[in-house]
Amino acid sequence: MTGSMSVARYWHTASTLATGTVLVAGGLNGTSTLNSAELYHQSTGTWTTTGNMSVARMYHTASTLANGSVLVSGGYDSAVLNSAELYNPSTGTWTSTGSMNAARELSTTTTLANGSVLVTGGYSSGFFYLNSAELYNLSTGTWTTTGNMSTGRAFHTATTLANRLVLVTGGNTGIVETNSAELYNPSTGTWATTASMSVAREYHTASILANGQVLVIGGYSGSSYLNSAELYNPSTGTWTTTANMSVIRYYHTASVLVDERVLVAGGSNSTVLNSAELYNSSTGIWTITRSLNVARTDHTASTLANGQVLVAGGMGSSGILNSAELY
């Protein structure tokens, strides 16, 4: 274990800053949406509070930008939000920036090679799953719409590939989970469908491996929780199944370690999990590793400069957690 956060929270975000500290922002404490933020200091293993966001939010996104600031966008408080704000690590303060064209929660953000941020999909008010995407320009502080995905989706993943395309996988279309995947080309601002996963899934994770492939793990499909995993090969545009995890899980975290193994921790199925396991991309085999001290789901996991993984907050067996621990 390491020091605890000042506030118990889940559905928050965690962003690793250039200084090596981790910024945790927003979330839900069980009764209220939070605007508070705090910093984890690797050197001391302690947390300190920092400036509050101007808007309380959960289900939002957070992206560390090329200039070191953190862009937080969208989410939910008493309504779905289109607002965005920037955290300045030098001053510990937040400033509002341009609002998105669409209010959205449960969307994804990815930072592109040119420094802009791509937001995709999400859920909007009126039970509407979005297929729209937009780009944040750091220089102007404004959002512009870009090409639409082929389908609206939330609870999906978005991963930047070595070829600079962005791979979006799965999610919920508003009716059912989908196995579809598509690629965004930043050069043209357009989307193209690629091969579908073998299993429809939402609440899964996607991790980019050293060999350029993307490992998709777990999630939920229909009435089933999943332990299956599959690999996307950008060179061929195809998926291949790999070994199953030992434990069925969704709302887990997946972190790529320095030694290129993938650490999967916690999550939920019919219960909150404390188990963890490691995927070896060289062998395609999973091995059990030591369990979390506290069972948790809807938590965050951040890879630190020293190679350790910081797990923070989440929902535990007996309520919302402020605890954190290091692997």
Protein backbone atom coordinates (compact mmCIF):
# COMPACT_ATOMS: atom_id res chain seq x y z
CA MET A 1 0.00 0.00 0.00
CA THR A 2 0.98 3.64 -0.36
CA GLY A 3 -0.55 6.87 0.94
CA SER A 4 -4.30 7.33 0.53
CA MET A 5 -6.09 10.01 -1.47
CA SER A 6 -7.85 12.73 0.50
CA VAL A 7 -11.16 11.77 -1.11
CA ALA A 8 -12.69 8.38 -1.90
CA ARG A 9 -13.59 8.30 -5.59
CA TYR A 10 -14.36 6.15 -8.60
CA TRP A 11 -15.04 6.97 -12.26
CA HIS A 12 -12.21 9.51 -11.92
CA THR A 13 -9.25 10.01 -14.26
CA ALA A 14 -5.52 9.67 -13.57
CA SER A 15 -2.89 11.37 -15.74
CA THR A 16 0.89 11.00 -15.48
CA LEU A 17 2.58 14.41 -15.72
CA ALA A 18 6.01 15.23 -17.16
CA THR A 19 7.23 15.72 -13.59
CA GLY A 20 6.41 12.09 -12.80
CA THR A 21 3.54 12.97 -10.51
CA VAL A 22 0.04 11.61 -11.16
CA LEU A 23 -2.97 13.95 -11.35
CA VAL A 24 -6.27 12.42 -10.21
CA ALA A 25 -9.37 14.47 -11.05
CA GLY A 26 -13.10 14.30 -10.49
CA GLY A 27 -15.16 11.16 -10.18
CA LEU A 28 -17.95 10.14 -7.86
CA ASN A 29 -17.77 9.65 -4.09
CA GLY A 30 -20.96 7.63 -3.93
CA THR A 31 -23.32 10.54 -3.45
CA SER A 32 -21.77 13.57 -5.19
CA THR A 33 -19.88 14.26 -8.38
CA LEU A 34 -16.46 15.73 -7.55
CA ASN A 35 -14.55 18.74 -8.86
CA SER A 36 -11.56 18.09 -6.59
CA ALA A 37 -8.14 17.02 -7.82
CA GLU A 38 -5.01 15.71 -6.14
CA LEU A 39 -1.45 14.74 -6.95
CA TYR A 40 0.52 11.59 -6.15
CA HIS A 41 4.22 12.18 -5.59
CA GLN A 42 6.31 9.14 -6.48
CA SER A 43 9.34 10.35 -4.53
CA THR A 44 7.49 10.48 -1.21
CA GLY A 45 4.55 8.12 -1.79
CA THR A 46 2.18 10.84 -0.63
CA TRP A 47 -0.82 12.73 -1.99
CA THR A 48 -1.43 16.49 -1.94
CA THR A 49 -4.53 18.37 -3.00
CA THR A 50 -4.32 20.77 -5.93
CA GLY A 51 -6.70 23.24 -7.54
CA ASN A 52 -10.33 22.25 -8.09
CA MET A 53 -11.81 21.94 -11.56
CA SER A 54 -14.37 24.61 -12.41
CA VAL A 55 -16.94 21.86 -13.07
CA ALA A 56 -17.63 18.68 -11.11
CA ARG A 57 -17.51 15.71 -13.47
CA MET A 58 -17.39 11.93 -13.73
CA TYR A 59 -17.25 9.70 -16.84
CA HIS A 60 -14.95 12.38 -18.34
CA THR A 61 -11.66 12.00 -20.21
CA ALA A 62 -8.19 13.37 -19.46
CA SER A 63 -5.24 13.73 -21.84
CA THR A 64 -1.70 14.90 -21.13
CA LEU A 65 -0.71 17.38 -23.85
CA ALA A 66 2.65 18.09 -25.47
CA ASN A 67 3.09 21.28 -23.41
CA GLY A 68 2.65 19.33 -20.17
CA SER A 69 -0.86 20.52 -19.35
CA VAL A 70 -3.81 18.14 -18.93
CA LEU A 71 -7.00 18.51 -20.96
CA VAL A 72 -10.17 17.30 -19.24
CA SER A 73 -13.29 17.11 -21.39
CA GLY A 74 -16.95 16.19 -21.10
CA GLY A 75 -18.38 13.84 -18.53
CA TYR A 76 -21.46 14.08 -16.39
CA ASP A 77 -22.66 16.06 -13.39
CA SER A 78 -26.38 16.80 -13.36
CA ALA A 79 -26.33 16.62 -17.16
CA VAL A 80 -23.98 15.45 -19.90
CA LEU A 81 -21.21 18.06 -20.34
CA ASN A 82 -19.53 19.60 -23.37
CA SER A 83 -17.18 21.80 -21.36
CA ALA A 84 -13.41 21.33 -21.21
CA GLU A 85 -10.65 22.71 -19.02
CA LEU A 86 -6.87 22.67 -18.76
CA TYR A 87 -4.70 21.90 -15.73
CA ASN A 88 -1.39 23.76 -15.50
CA PRO A 89 1.10 21.72 -13.44
CA SER A 90 3.29 24.79 -12.87
CA THR A 91 0.56 26.75 -11.11
CA GLY A 92 -1.72 23.92 -9.93
CA THR A 93 -4.71 25.71 -11.40
CA TRP A 94 -7.41 25.01 -13.99
CA THR A 95 -8.58 27.29 -16.78
CA SER A 96 -11.58 26.80 -19.05
CA THR A 97 -10.92 26.17 -22.73
CA GLY A 98 -13.16 25.78 -25.77
CA SER A 99 -16.21 23.54 -25.37
CA MET A 100 -16.77 20.47 -27.51
CA ASN A 101 -19.36 20.68 -30.25
CA ALA A 102 -21.26 17.79 -28.64
CA ALA A 103 -21.89 17.06 -24.98
CA ARG A 104 -20.54 13.59 -24.29
CA GLU A 105 -19.68 11.18 -21.48
CA LEU A 106 -18.02 7.76 -21.67
CA SER A 107 -16.10 8.88 -24.76
CA THR A 108 -12.41 8.27 -25.48
CA THR A 109 -9.55 10.68 -26.12
CA THR A 110 -6.24 9.98 -27.84
CA THR A 111 -3.34 12.35 -28.44
CA LEU A 112 -2.23 12.39 -32.08
CA ALA A 113 1.29 12.79 -33.42
CA ASN A 114 0.62 16.43 -34.34
CA GLY A 115 -0.32 17.21 -30.73
CA SER A 116 -4.07 17.51 -31.26
CA VAL A 117 -6.52 15.41 -29.25
CA LEU A 118 -9.14 13.19 -30.89
CA VAL A 119 -12.35 12.57 -28.96
CA THR A 120 -14.62 9.79 -30.20
CA GLY A 121 -18.17 8.71 -29.54
CA GLY A 122 -19.68 8.53 -26.10
CA TYR A 123 -23.14 8.90 -24.71
CA SER A 124 -25.19 12.08 -24.89
CA SER A 125 -28.47 13.14 -23.32
CA GLY A 126 -31.63 11.51 -24.62
CA PHE A 127 -30.20 7.98 -24.64
CA PHE A 128 -28.15 8.83 -27.73
CA TYR A 129 -24.91 7.05 -28.58
CA LEU A 130 -22.65 9.28 -30.66
CA ASN A 131 -20.76 8.37 -33.82
CA SER A 132 -19.24 11.84 -34.05
CA ALA A 133 -15.60 12.72 -33.43
CA GLU A 134 -13.81 16.02 -32.95
CA LEU A 135 -10.31 17.40 -32.62
CA TYR A 136 -8.90 19.75 -29.97
CA ASN A 137 -6.26 22.19 -31.22
CA LEU A 138 -3.88 23.09 -28.43
CA SER A 139 -2.71 26.25 -30.20
CA THR A 140 -6.18 27.75 -30.59
CA GLY A 141 -7.98 26.07 -27.68
CA THR A 142 -10.86 25.14 -29.96
CA TRP A 143 -12.60 21.98 -31.15
CA THR A 144 -13.43 21.13 -34.76
CA THR A 145 -15.55 18.24 -35.99
CA THR A 146 -13.90 15.53 -38.05
CA GLY A 147 -15.23 12.44 -39.83
CA ASN A 148 -17.94 10.35 -38.18
CA MET A 149 -17.44 6.74 -37.15
CA SER A 150 -19.58 4.16 -38.91
CA THR A 151 -21.57 3.55 -35.73
CA GLY A 152 -22.34 5.34 -32.50
CA ARG A 153 -20.64 3.78 -29.51
CA ALA A 154 -19.77 4.24 -25.83
CA PHE A 155 -17.72 2.07 -23.45
CA HIS A 156 -15.35 1.47 -26.38
CA THR A 157 -11.55 1.81 -26.58
CA ALA A 158 -9.28 3.97 -28.76
CA THR A 159 -5.61 3.19 -29.31
CA THR A 160 -2.99 5.10 -31.31
CA LEU A 161 -1.03 2.69 -33.51
CA ALA A 162 2.60 2.94 -34.60
CA ASN A 163 1.40 3.96 -38.08
CA ARG A 164 -0.43 6.91 -36.42
CA LEU A 165 -3.89 5.57 -37.20
CA VAL A 166 -6.30 5.29 -34.26
CA LEU A 167 -8.01 1.93 -33.68
CA VAL A 168 -11.46 2.03 -32.06
CA THR A 169 -12.88 -1.26 -30.81
CA GLY A 170 -16.20 -2.53 -29.54
CA GLY A 171 -18.42 -0.72 -27.09
CA ASN A 172 -22.17 -0.41 -26.86
CA THR A 173 -24.16 1.00 -29.78
CA GLY A 174 -27.18 1.81 -27.65
CA ILE A 175 -28.87 -1.46 -28.45
CA VAL A 176 -26.23 -4.12 -28.00
CA GLU A 177 -22.50 -4.63 -27.62
CA THR A 178 -20.58 -4.62 -30.90
CA ASN A 179 -17.52 -6.51 -32.15
CA SER A 180 -16.85 -3.92 -34.87
CA ALA A 181 -13.61 -1.99 -35.14
CA GLU A 182 -12.57 0.98 -37.25
CA LEU A 183 -9.53 3.10 -38.01
CA TYR A 184 -9.19 6.89 -37.99
CA ASN A 185 -6.70 8.43 -40.39
CA PRO A 186 -5.51 11.82 -39.06
CA SER A 187 -4.15 12.76 -42.49
CA THR A 188 -7.56 12.55 -44.15
CA GLY A 189 -9.88 12.96 -41.17
CA THR A 190 -11.82 9.88 -42.23
CA TRP A 191 -12.70 6.48 -40.80
CA ALA A 192 -12.42 3.05 -42.42
CA THR A 193 -13.80 -0.19 -41.03
CA THR A 194 -11.34 -2.95 -40.28
CA ALA A 195 -11.83 -6.58 -39.32
CA SER A 196 -14.21 -7.26 -36.44
CA MET A 197 -13.20 -8.82 -33.16
CA SER A 198 -14.21 -12.43 -32.60
CA VAL A 199 -16.37 -11.35 -29.64
CA ALA A 200 -18.60 -8.32 -29.12
CA ARG A 201 -17.48 -6.54 -25.95
CA GLU A 202 -17.77 -3.39 -23.84
CA TYR A 203 -16.00 -2.38 -20.60
CA HIS A 204 -12.86 -4.04 -22.02
CA THR A 205 -9.30 -2.72 -22.23
CA ALA A 206 -6.93 -2.29 -25.18
CA SER A 207 -3.14 -2.13 -24.80
CA ILE A 208 -0.51 -1.38 -27.43
CA LEU A 209 2.33 -3.92 -27.29
CA ALA A 210 6.00 -3.42 -28.18
CA ASN A 211 5.49 -5.39 -31.41
CA GLY A 212 2.82 -2.92 -32.51
CA GLN A 213 -0.12 -5.25 -31.97
CA VAL A 214 -3.10 -4.32 -29.77
CA LEU A 215 -4.20 -6.66 -26.99
CA VAL A 216 -7.91 -6.47 -26.16
CA ILE A 217 -8.92 -8.09 -22.88
CA GLY A 218 -12.11 -9.10 -21.11
CA GLY A 219 -15.25 -7.01 -20.89
CA TYR A 220 -18.94 -7.78 -21.09
CA SER A 221 -21.05 -9.19 -23.92
CA GLY A 222 -24.78 -9.76 -23.83
CA SER A 223 -25.30 -11.52 -20.53
CA SER A 224 -21.76 -12.84 -20.23
CA TYR A 225 -18.61 -11.52 -18.58
CA LEU A 226 -15.51 -12.37 -20.59
CA ASN A 227 -12.06 -13.78 -19.88
CA SER A 228 -11.14 -13.95 -23.56
CA ALA A 229 -8.38 -11.92 -25.18
CA GLU A 230 -7.45 -11.19 -28.78
CA LEU A 231 -4.74 -9.43 -30.76
CA TYR A 232 -5.08 -6.92 -33.60
CA ASN A 233 -2.29 -6.88 -36.16
CA PRO A 234 -2.11 -3.47 -37.90
CA SER A 235 -0.01 -4.93 -40.72
CA THR A 236 -2.75 -7.34 -41.78
CA GLY A 237 -5.81 -5.64 -40.30
CA THR A 238 -6.89 -8.90 -38.70
CA TRP A 239 -7.57 -10.31 -35.24
CA THR A 240 -6.30 -13.54 -33.72
CA THR A 241 -7.41 -15.01 -30.42
CA THR A 242 -4.83 -15.54 -27.72
CA ALA A 243 -4.96 -17.39 -24.40
CA ASN A 244 -7.83 -16.64 -22.00
CA MET A 245 -7.27 -14.94 -18.67
CA SER A 246 -7.72 -17.18 -15.64
CA VAL A 247 -10.45 -14.87 -14.32
CA ILE A 248 -13.51 -13.41 -16.05
CA ARG A 249 -13.47 -9.60 -15.57
CA TYR A 250 -14.64 -6.18 -16.78
CA TYR A 251 -13.99 -2.64 -15.50
CA HIS A 252 -10.43 -3.84 -14.84
CA THR A 253 -7.23 -2.00 -15.69
CA ALA A 254 -4.43 -3.08 -18.04
CA SER A 255 -0.91 -1.62 -17.82
CA VAL A 256 2.09 -2.34 -20.05
CA LEU A 257 5.16 -2.90 -17.85
CA VAL A 258 8.79 -2.04 -18.60
CA ASP A 259 9.49 -5.70 -19.36
CA GLU A 260 6.65 -5.59 -21.96
CA ARG A 261 4.30 -7.82 -20.00
CA VAL A 262 0.73 -6.57 -19.49
CA LEU A 263 -0.57 -6.34 -15.91
CA VAL A 264 -4.33 -6.78 -15.53
CA ALA A 265 -5.69 -5.85 -12.11
CA GLY A 266 -9.03 -5.99 -10.34
CA GLY A 267 -12.35 -5.37 -12.00
CA SER A 268 -15.64 -7.11 -11.50
CA ASN A 269 -17.78 -10.02 -12.62
CA SER A 270 -20.38 -11.15 -10.13
CA THR A 271 -18.14 -9.76 -7.39
CA VAL A 272 -15.41 -7.14 -6.97
CA LEU A 273 -12.01 -8.69 -7.70
CA ASN A 274 -8.58 -8.35 -6.09
CA SER A 275 -6.89 -10.81 -8.43
CA ALA A 276 -4.21 -9.78 -10.92
CA GLU A 277 -2.46 -11.55 -13.79
CA LEU A 278 0.29 -10.97 -16.32
CA TYR A 279 0.23 -11.50 -20.09
CA ASN A 280 3.51 -12.40 -21.77
CA SER A 281 3.33 -11.17 -25.36
CA SER A 282 6.28 -13.39 -26.37
CA THR A 283 4.55 -16.60 -25.32
CA GLY A 284 0.88 -15.59 -25.37
CA ILE A 285 0.50 -17.03 -21.88
CA TRP A 286 -1.11 -15.60 -18.73
CA THR A 287 0.28 -16.15 -15.25
CA ILE A 288 -1.27 -15.23 -11.92
CA THR A 289 0.61 -12.61 -9.94
CA ARG A 290 0.10 -11.33 -6.42
CA SER A 291 -3.34 -9.95 -5.67
CA LEU A 292 -4.28 -6.38 -4.88
CA ASN A 293 -4.45 -5.64 -1.15
CA VAL A 294 -7.97 -4.32 -1.71
CA ALA A 295 -10.52 -5.67 -4.19
CA ARG A 296 -11.53 -2.83 -6.53
CA THR A 297 -13.31 -2.02 -9.78
CA ASP A 298 -13.72 1.27 -11.72
CA HIS A 299 -10.26 2.28 -10.46
CA THR A 300 -7.33 3.81 -12.34
CA ALA A 301 -3.84 2.44 -13.01
CA SER A 302 -0.88 4.68 -13.90
CA THR A 303 2.60 3.56 -14.93
CA LEU A 304 5.25 5.58 -13.08
CA ALA A 305 8.71 6.63 -14.25
CA ASN A 306 10.32 3.99 -12.00
CA GLY A 307 8.28 1.24 -13.69
CA GLN A 308 5.85 0.72 -10.83
CA VAL A 309 2.09 0.83 -11.40
CA LEU A 310 -0.06 3.03 -9.15
CA VAL A 311 -3.63 1.79 -8.64
CA ALA A 312 -5.97 4.36 -7.07
CA GLY A 313 -9.53 4.50 -5.81
CA GLY A 314 -12.44 2.62 -7.29
CA MET A 315 -15.40 0.76 -5.89
CA GLY A 316 -14.63 -1.84 -3.25
CA SER A 317 -16.64 -4.62 -1.68
CA SER A 318 -17.86 -2.29 1.07
CA GLY A 319 -17.97 1.09 -0.69
CA ILE A 320 -15.94 3.77 -2.46
CA LEU A 321 -12.18 3.68 -1.89
CA ASN A 322 -9.57 6.37 -1.21
CA SER A 323 -6.77 3.83 -0.91
CA ALA A 324 -3.94 3.40 -3.39
CA GLU A 325 -1.33 0.74 -3.90
CA LEU A 326 1.79 0.05 -5.93
CA TYR A 327 2.74 -3.00 -8.00
